[in-house]
Amino acid sequence: MAASRQPAIVAAVETIWAAPVVLISARRVARLERLGQGTALLQLLEALRRVRRLPRLLARPECLARAATRLLPWLPPRGMGPCLKRSLILLDLWARCGVEARLHLGVAGGAAGGGRGHVWVSAPGFPPESGGGLETWSG
């Protein structure tokens, strides 16, 4: 087998292995988001952090994050921007792994920036994502 094909095969196997766990988290995010229409973001974040931990064999945050990113277009909830959807799913997944993640919101030009924003998560021991020079809020 050619060495150039090995990373693609590893990524495919990793995604297949992690897909059920990622789908459970995505469905939980969709359910909480649907039930909490009109509630504060902070309440949604607290609900996402109250989860049962995964068994140690499944608690692989980096692997779950990569799988969530690959599967993102097909995951619920619908009608949500990709960075917000990914961040909420990662908050749920990483809480299940015992990782203390933070959600960051960035808005271009401050609070009155005119609609350009980004959402990402960070956690100790994980490489930070970039906010793209946006003013940020963390929670």
N, C-alpha and C. Protein backbone atom coordinates (compact mmCIF):
# COMPACT_ATOMS: atom_id res chain seq x y z
N MET A 1 0.84 -1.18 0.00
CA MET A 1 0.00 0.00 0.00
C MET A 1 0.89 1.24 0.00
N ALA A 2 0.57 2.17 -0.84
CA ALA A 2 1.35 3.39 -0.95
C ALA A 2 1.22 4.22 0.32
N ALA A 3 2.34 4.82 0.71
CA ALA A 3 2.35 5.63 1.93
C ALA A 3 1.41 6.82 1.84
N SER A 4 1.17 7.33 0.61
CA SER A 4 0.30 8.49 0.45
C SER A 4 -1.16 8.16 0.73
N ARG A 5 -1.54 6.90 0.62
CA ARG A 5 -2.92 6.50 0.87
C ARG A 5 -3.18 6.22 2.35
N GLN A 6 -2.15 5.98 3.12
CA GLN A 6 -2.33 5.62 4.52
C GLN A 6 -3.04 6.69 5.34
N PRO A 7 -2.68 7.97 5.23
CA PRO A 7 -3.41 8.98 6.02
C PRO A 7 -4.91 9.02 5.69
N ALA A 8 -5.25 8.84 4.41
CA ALA A 8 -6.66 8.86 4.03
C ALA A 8 -7.39 7.66 4.63
N ILE A 9 -6.75 6.53 4.65
CA ILE A 9 -7.37 5.33 5.23
C ILE A 9 -7.53 5.50 6.74
N VAL A 10 -6.50 6.02 7.39
CA VAL A 10 -6.58 6.26 8.84
C VAL A 10 -7.71 7.23 9.15
N ALA A 11 -7.82 8.30 8.35
CA ALA A 11 -8.89 9.29 8.57
C ALA A 11 -10.27 8.66 8.38
N ALA A 12 -10.41 7.80 7.38
CA ALA A 12 -11.70 7.15 7.14
C ALA A 12 -12.06 6.21 8.30
N VAL A 13 -11.11 5.43 8.75
CA VAL A 13 -11.36 4.51 9.87
C VAL A 13 -11.69 5.29 11.14
N GLU A 14 -10.96 6.37 11.38
CA GLU A 14 -11.20 7.21 12.55
C GLU A 14 -12.60 7.80 12.52
N THR A 15 -13.02 8.28 11.35
CA THR A 15 -14.35 8.87 11.21
C THR A 15 -15.44 7.83 11.43
N ILE A 16 -15.26 6.66 10.86
CA ILE A 16 -16.26 5.59 11.05
C ILE A 16 -16.34 5.19 12.52
N TRP A 17 -15.20 5.09 13.17
CA TRP A 17 -15.16 4.73 14.60
C TRP A 17 -15.87 5.78 15.45
N ALA A 18 -15.64 7.06 15.16
CA ALA A 18 -16.16 8.14 16.00
C ALA A 18 -17.57 8.58 15.63
N ALA A 19 -18.06 8.19 14.45
CA ALA A 19 -19.35 8.69 13.95
C ALA A 19 -20.51 8.49 14.92
N PRO A 20 -20.68 7.32 15.55
CA PRO A 20 -21.83 7.18 16.46
C PRO A 20 -21.78 8.14 17.65
N VAL A 21 -20.61 8.36 18.21
CA VAL A 21 -20.48 9.27 19.35
C VAL A 21 -20.76 10.70 18.91
N VAL A 22 -20.23 11.08 17.75
CA VAL A 22 -20.44 12.43 17.22
C VAL A 22 -21.93 12.64 16.92
N LEU A 23 -22.58 11.66 16.33
CA LEU A 23 -24.00 11.78 16.00
C LEU A 23 -24.85 11.93 17.27
N ILE A 24 -24.53 11.20 18.31
CA ILE A 24 -25.26 11.33 19.58
C ILE A 24 -25.14 12.76 20.11
N SER A 25 -23.93 13.31 20.07
CA SER A 25 -23.73 14.69 20.55
C SER A 25 -24.47 15.69 19.67
N ALA A 26 -24.42 15.49 18.35
CA ALA A 26 -25.10 16.42 17.44
C ALA A 26 -26.60 16.39 17.67
N ARG A 27 -27.16 15.22 17.87
CA ARG A 27 -28.61 15.12 18.12
C ARG A 27 -28.96 15.76 19.46
N ARG A 28 -28.09 15.62 20.45
CA ARG A 28 -28.33 16.25 21.75
C ARG A 28 -28.30 17.77 21.62
N VAL A 29 -27.34 18.30 20.87
CA VAL A 29 -27.27 19.74 20.64
C VAL A 29 -28.54 20.22 19.94
N ALA A 30 -28.98 19.48 18.92
CA ALA A 30 -30.19 19.87 18.19
C ALA A 30 -31.40 19.86 19.11
N ARG A 31 -31.52 18.83 19.95
CA ARG A 31 -32.67 18.74 20.87
C ARG A 31 -32.64 19.89 21.88
N LEU A 32 -31.48 20.16 22.48
CA LEU A 32 -31.39 21.25 23.45
C LEU A 32 -31.66 22.59 22.79
N GLU A 33 -31.17 22.77 21.58
CA GLU A 33 -31.38 24.03 20.87
C GLU A 33 -32.85 24.21 20.53
N ARG A 34 -33.51 23.14 20.12
CA ARG A 34 -34.94 23.20 19.77
C ARG A 34 -35.78 23.44 21.02
N LEU A 35 -35.48 22.74 22.11
CA LEU A 35 -36.25 22.91 23.34
C LEU A 35 -36.01 24.27 23.98
N GLY A 36 -34.82 24.82 23.75
CA GLY A 36 -34.46 26.07 24.40
C GLY A 36 -34.64 27.29 23.55
N GLN A 37 -35.48 27.23 22.52
CA GLN A 37 -35.71 28.39 21.67
C GLN A 37 -36.07 29.59 22.56
N GLY A 38 -35.32 30.65 22.40
CA GLY A 38 -35.59 31.86 23.17
C GLY A 38 -34.90 31.92 24.52
N THR A 39 -34.15 30.87 24.90
CA THR A 39 -33.43 30.94 26.16
C THR A 39 -32.03 31.48 25.91
N ALA A 40 -31.39 31.86 26.97
CA ALA A 40 -30.07 32.46 26.87
C ALA A 40 -29.02 31.43 26.44
N LEU A 41 -28.02 31.90 25.74
CA LEU A 41 -26.91 31.06 25.30
C LEU A 41 -26.20 30.43 26.50
N LEU A 42 -26.08 31.17 27.58
CA LEU A 42 -25.40 30.64 28.76
C LEU A 42 -26.12 29.42 29.33
N GLN A 43 -27.45 29.40 29.26
CA GLN A 43 -28.21 28.23 29.73
C GLN A 43 -27.95 27.03 28.84
N LEU A 44 -27.86 27.25 27.53
CA LEU A 44 -27.54 26.17 26.60
C LEU A 44 -26.14 25.62 26.87
N LEU A 45 -25.18 26.51 27.11
CA LEU A 45 -23.82 26.08 27.40
C LEU A 45 -23.75 25.24 28.67
N GLU A 46 -24.46 25.68 29.71
CA GLU A 46 -24.47 24.91 30.95
C GLU A 46 -25.10 23.53 30.76
N ALA A 47 -26.16 23.46 29.97
CA ALA A 47 -26.80 22.16 29.69
C ALA A 47 -25.84 21.25 28.93
N LEU A 48 -25.08 21.81 27.99
CA LEU A 48 -24.14 20.99 27.22
C LEU A 48 -23.00 20.46 28.08
N ARG A 49 -22.66 21.18 29.13
CA ARG A 49 -21.56 20.75 30.00
C ARG A 49 -21.98 19.70 31.02
N ARG A 50 -23.29 19.53 31.22
CA ARG A 50 -23.79 18.51 32.17
C ARG A 50 -24.06 17.21 31.41
N VAL A 51 -23.04 16.39 31.32
CA VAL A 51 -23.16 15.15 30.56
C VAL A 51 -22.52 14.00 31.33
N ARG A 52 -22.85 12.80 30.91
CA ARG A 52 -22.21 11.61 31.44
C ARG A 52 -20.91 11.40 30.67
N ARG A 53 -19.84 11.09 31.39
CA ARG A 53 -18.53 10.90 30.76
C ARG A 53 -18.51 9.65 29.89
N LEU A 54 -17.75 9.72 28.84
CA LEU A 54 -17.53 8.57 27.96
C LEU A 54 -16.57 7.58 28.62
N PRO A 55 -16.66 6.31 28.26
CA PRO A 55 -15.64 5.36 28.72
C PRO A 55 -14.27 5.80 28.20
N ARG A 56 -13.23 5.48 28.93
CA ARG A 56 -11.88 5.93 28.60
C ARG A 56 -11.48 5.55 27.16
N LEU A 57 -11.92 4.39 26.69
CA LEU A 57 -11.58 3.95 25.34
C LEU A 57 -12.13 4.90 24.27
N LEU A 58 -13.28 5.50 24.53
CA LEU A 58 -13.91 6.41 23.56
C LEU A 58 -13.53 7.86 23.77
N ALA A 59 -13.01 8.21 24.93
CA ALA A 59 -12.73 9.61 25.28
C ALA A 59 -11.43 10.07 24.63
N ARG A 60 -11.51 10.33 23.34
CA ARG A 60 -10.36 10.81 22.56
C ARG A 60 -10.75 12.11 21.89
N PRO A 61 -10.60 13.25 22.59
CA PRO A 61 -11.13 14.52 22.10
C PRO A 61 -10.62 14.94 20.73
N GLU A 62 -9.32 14.74 20.45
CA GLU A 62 -8.79 15.16 19.15
C GLU A 62 -9.43 14.35 18.02
N CYS A 63 -9.57 13.06 18.21
CA CYS A 63 -10.18 12.19 17.21
C CYS A 63 -11.65 12.57 17.01
N LEU A 64 -12.37 12.80 18.09
CA LEU A 64 -13.78 13.17 17.99
C LEU A 64 -13.95 14.52 17.29
N ALA A 65 -13.03 15.46 17.56
CA ALA A 65 -13.11 16.77 16.92
C ALA A 65 -12.88 16.65 15.41
N ARG A 66 -11.90 15.86 15.01
CA ARG A 66 -11.66 15.68 13.57
C ARG A 66 -12.86 15.02 12.90
N ALA A 67 -13.43 14.01 13.54
CA ALA A 67 -14.60 13.34 12.97
C ALA A 67 -15.79 14.29 12.88
N ALA A 68 -16.01 15.10 13.91
CA ALA A 68 -17.11 16.06 13.88
C ALA A 68 -16.94 17.05 12.74
N THR A 69 -15.71 17.50 12.51
CA THR A 69 -15.45 18.43 11.42
C THR A 69 -15.74 17.78 10.07
N ARG A 70 -15.31 16.54 9.89
CA ARG A 70 -15.56 15.84 8.62
C ARG A 70 -17.05 15.59 8.38
N LEU A 71 -17.79 15.29 9.44
CA LEU A 71 -19.21 14.93 9.32
C LEU A 71 -20.15 16.14 9.40
N LEU A 72 -19.63 17.30 9.68
CA LEU A 72 -20.43 18.49 9.98
C LEU A 72 -21.54 18.79 8.96
N PRO A 73 -21.31 18.70 7.66
CA PRO A 73 -22.40 19.04 6.72
C PRO A 73 -23.63 18.14 6.85
N TRP A 74 -23.47 16.95 7.38
CA TRP A 74 -24.59 16.00 7.46
C TRP A 74 -25.20 15.92 8.85
N LEU A 75 -24.65 16.64 9.81
CA LEU A 75 -25.12 16.55 11.20
C LEU A 75 -26.20 17.58 11.50
N PRO A 76 -27.13 17.22 12.42
CA PRO A 76 -28.06 18.25 12.92
C PRO A 76 -27.31 19.14 13.90
N PRO A 77 -27.82 20.26 14.29
CA PRO A 77 -29.07 20.89 13.88
C PRO A 77 -28.91 21.63 12.56
N ARG A 78 -30.00 21.71 11.83
CA ARG A 78 -30.03 22.43 10.55
C ARG A 78 -30.30 23.91 10.81
N GLY A 79 -29.97 24.74 9.85
CA GLY A 79 -30.26 26.16 9.97
C GLY A 79 -29.35 26.89 10.94
N MET A 80 -28.19 26.34 11.18
CA MET A 80 -27.24 26.95 12.11
C MET A 80 -25.93 27.08 11.35
N GLY A 81 -25.23 28.17 11.57
CA GLY A 81 -23.94 28.35 10.91
C GLY A 81 -22.97 27.23 11.26
N PRO A 82 -22.06 26.89 10.35
CA PRO A 82 -21.17 25.76 10.60
C PRO A 82 -20.25 25.95 11.80
N CYS A 83 -19.77 27.16 12.04
CA CYS A 83 -18.85 27.34 13.18
C CYS A 83 -19.61 27.22 14.50
N LEU A 84 -20.84 27.70 14.57
CA LEU A 84 -21.64 27.57 15.79
C LEU A 84 -22.00 26.10 16.02
N LYS A 85 -22.44 25.42 14.96
CA LYS A 85 -22.81 24.01 15.08
C LYS A 85 -21.60 23.19 15.56
N ARG A 86 -20.46 23.38 14.91
CA ARG A 86 -19.25 22.63 15.29
C ARG A 86 -18.86 22.92 16.73
N SER A 87 -18.91 24.18 17.12
CA SER A 87 -18.50 24.55 18.48
C SER A 87 -19.41 23.94 19.54
N LEU A 88 -20.72 23.97 19.32
CA LEU A 88 -21.64 23.38 20.29
C LEU A 88 -21.48 21.86 20.37
N ILE A 89 -21.27 21.22 19.23
CA ILE A 89 -21.03 19.78 19.23
C ILE A 89 -19.73 19.47 19.96
N LEU A 90 -18.68 20.25 19.70
CA LEU A 90 -17.41 20.02 20.39
C LEU A 90 -17.53 20.26 21.89
N LEU A 91 -18.30 21.26 22.30
CA LEU A 91 -18.50 21.47 23.74
C LEU A 91 -19.10 20.22 24.38
N ASP A 92 -20.09 19.63 23.74
CA ASP A 92 -20.72 18.43 24.26
C ASP A 92 -19.73 17.26 24.25
N LEU A 93 -19.05 17.05 23.12
CA LEU A 93 -18.10 15.94 23.02
C LEU A 93 -16.97 16.08 24.03
N TRP A 94 -16.40 17.26 24.12
CA TRP A 94 -15.25 17.44 25.01
C TRP A 94 -15.67 17.36 26.47
N ALA A 95 -16.88 17.82 26.80
CA ALA A 95 -17.36 17.65 28.18
C ALA A 95 -17.47 16.16 28.50
N ARG A 96 -17.91 15.36 27.53
CA ARG A 96 -17.99 13.91 27.72
C ARG A 96 -16.61 13.28 27.92
N CYS A 97 -15.58 13.95 27.41
CA CYS A 97 -14.20 13.45 27.56
C CYS A 97 -13.53 14.03 28.81
N GLY A 98 -14.22 14.90 29.52
CA GLY A 98 -13.64 15.51 30.71
C GLY A 98 -12.79 16.73 30.43
N VAL A 99 -12.90 17.30 29.24
CA VAL A 99 -12.12 18.47 28.85
C VAL A 99 -12.92 19.73 29.18
N GLU A 100 -12.29 20.68 29.85
CA GLU A 100 -12.92 21.96 30.19
C GLU A 100 -12.77 22.92 29.00
N ALA A 101 -13.74 22.94 28.12
CA ALA A 101 -13.68 23.78 26.93
C ALA A 101 -14.40 25.10 27.17
N ARG A 102 -13.97 26.10 26.43
CA ARG A 102 -14.60 27.42 26.48
C ARG A 102 -15.09 27.78 25.10
N LEU A 103 -16.24 28.43 25.05
CA LEU A 103 -16.82 28.92 23.81
C LEU A 103 -16.42 30.38 23.64
N HIS A 104 -15.98 30.74 22.44
CA HIS A 104 -15.60 32.11 22.13
C HIS A 104 -16.48 32.62 21.00
N LEU A 105 -16.97 33.83 21.15
CA LEU A 105 -17.75 34.50 20.12
C LEU A 105 -16.97 35.73 19.66
N GLY A 106 -16.84 35.88 18.36
CA GLY A 106 -16.15 37.05 17.83
C GLY A 106 -17.04 37.80 16.87
N VAL A 107 -16.98 39.13 16.95
CA VAL A 107 -17.79 39.98 16.08
C VAL A 107 -16.87 41.01 15.46
N ALA A 108 -16.95 41.16 14.14
CA ALA A 108 -16.11 42.14 13.44
C ALA A 108 -16.55 43.55 13.79
N GLY A 109 -15.59 44.38 14.14
CA GLY A 109 -15.87 45.79 14.41
C GLY A 109 -16.62 46.02 15.71
N GLY A 110 -16.59 45.09 16.63
CA GLY A 110 -17.29 45.25 17.90
C GLY A 110 -18.73 44.80 17.80
N ALA A 111 -19.50 45.13 18.81
CA ALA A 111 -20.88 44.66 18.89
C ALA A 111 -21.76 45.20 17.76
N ALA A 112 -21.42 46.35 17.22
CA ALA A 112 -22.21 46.93 16.12
C ALA A 112 -21.52 46.70 14.79
N GLY A 113 -20.83 45.56 14.62
CA GLY A 113 -20.00 45.28 13.46
C GLY A 113 -20.72 44.98 12.18
N GLY A 114 -22.00 44.76 12.18
CA GLY A 114 -22.70 44.57 10.93
C GLY A 114 -22.78 43.14 10.44
N GLY A 115 -22.76 42.17 11.31
CA GLY A 115 -23.10 40.82 10.92
C GLY A 115 -21.99 39.85 10.64
N ARG A 116 -20.73 40.20 10.72
CA ARG A 116 -19.65 39.23 10.49
C ARG A 116 -19.17 38.72 11.83
N GLY A 117 -19.30 37.43 12.04
CA GLY A 117 -18.88 36.86 13.31
C GLY A 117 -18.33 35.46 13.15
N HIS A 118 -17.79 34.95 14.24
CA HIS A 118 -17.22 33.60 14.24
C HIS A 118 -17.34 33.04 15.66
N VAL A 119 -17.52 31.73 15.76
CA VAL A 119 -17.61 31.03 17.04
C VAL A 119 -16.58 29.91 17.01
N TRP A 120 -15.85 29.73 18.11
CA TRP A 120 -14.89 28.64 18.20
C TRP A 120 -14.74 28.22 19.64
N VAL A 121 -14.10 27.09 19.85
CA VAL A 121 -13.86 26.59 21.20
C VAL A 121 -12.36 26.51 21.45
N SER A 122 -12.02 26.58 22.73
CA SER A 122 -10.63 26.39 23.13
C SER A 122 -10.62 25.56 24.40
N ALA A 123 -9.51 24.92 24.64
CA ALA A 123 -9.34 24.10 25.84
C ALA A 123 -7.86 23.99 26.15
N PRO A 124 -7.49 23.90 27.43
CA PRO A 124 -6.09 23.72 27.78
C PRO A 124 -5.53 22.45 27.16
N GLY A 125 -4.34 22.56 26.57
CA GLY A 125 -3.71 21.41 25.96
C GLY A 125 -4.09 21.16 24.52
N PHE A 126 -4.94 22.00 23.94
CA PHE A 126 -5.35 21.86 22.56
C PHE A 126 -4.93 23.10 21.81
N PRO A 127 -4.50 22.96 20.55
CA PRO A 127 -4.10 24.15 19.80
C PRO A 127 -5.28 25.09 19.62
N PRO A 128 -5.08 26.37 19.89
CA PRO A 128 -6.20 27.32 19.77
C PRO A 128 -6.58 27.54 18.32
N GLU A 129 -7.89 27.71 18.11
CA GLU A 129 -8.37 28.14 16.81
C GLU A 129 -8.26 29.65 16.77
N SER A 130 -8.23 30.20 15.60
CA SER A 130 -8.10 31.63 15.46
C SER A 130 -9.46 32.30 15.42
N GLY A 131 -9.54 33.45 16.08
CA GLY A 131 -10.75 34.25 16.00
C GLY A 131 -10.72 35.18 14.81
N GLY A 132 -9.65 35.14 14.04
CA GLY A 132 -9.57 35.96 12.83
C GLY A 132 -9.52 37.44 13.11
N GLY A 133 -8.96 37.87 14.24
CA GLY A 133 -8.85 39.28 14.55
C GLY A 133 -10.15 39.92 14.99
N LEU A 134 -11.14 39.13 15.37
CA LEU A 134 -12.44 39.67 15.79
C LEU A 134 -12.40 40.01 17.28
N GLU A 135 -13.20 40.99 17.68
CA GLU A 135 -13.39 41.24 19.10
C GLU A 135 -14.11 40.04 19.68
N THR A 136 -13.72 39.60 20.88
CA THR A 136 -14.25 38.33 21.36
C THR A 136 -14.89 38.42 22.73
N TRP A 137 -15.75 37.45 22.98
CA TRP A 137 -16.36 37.18 24.29
C TRP A 137 -16.17 35.71 24.56
N SER A 138 -15.85 35.35 25.79
CA SER A 138 -15.63 33.95 26.13
C SER A 138 -16.57 33.56 27.25
N GLY A 139 -17.09 32.32 27.17
CA GLY A 139 -17.96 31.85 28.23
C GLY A 139 -17.90 30.36 28.38
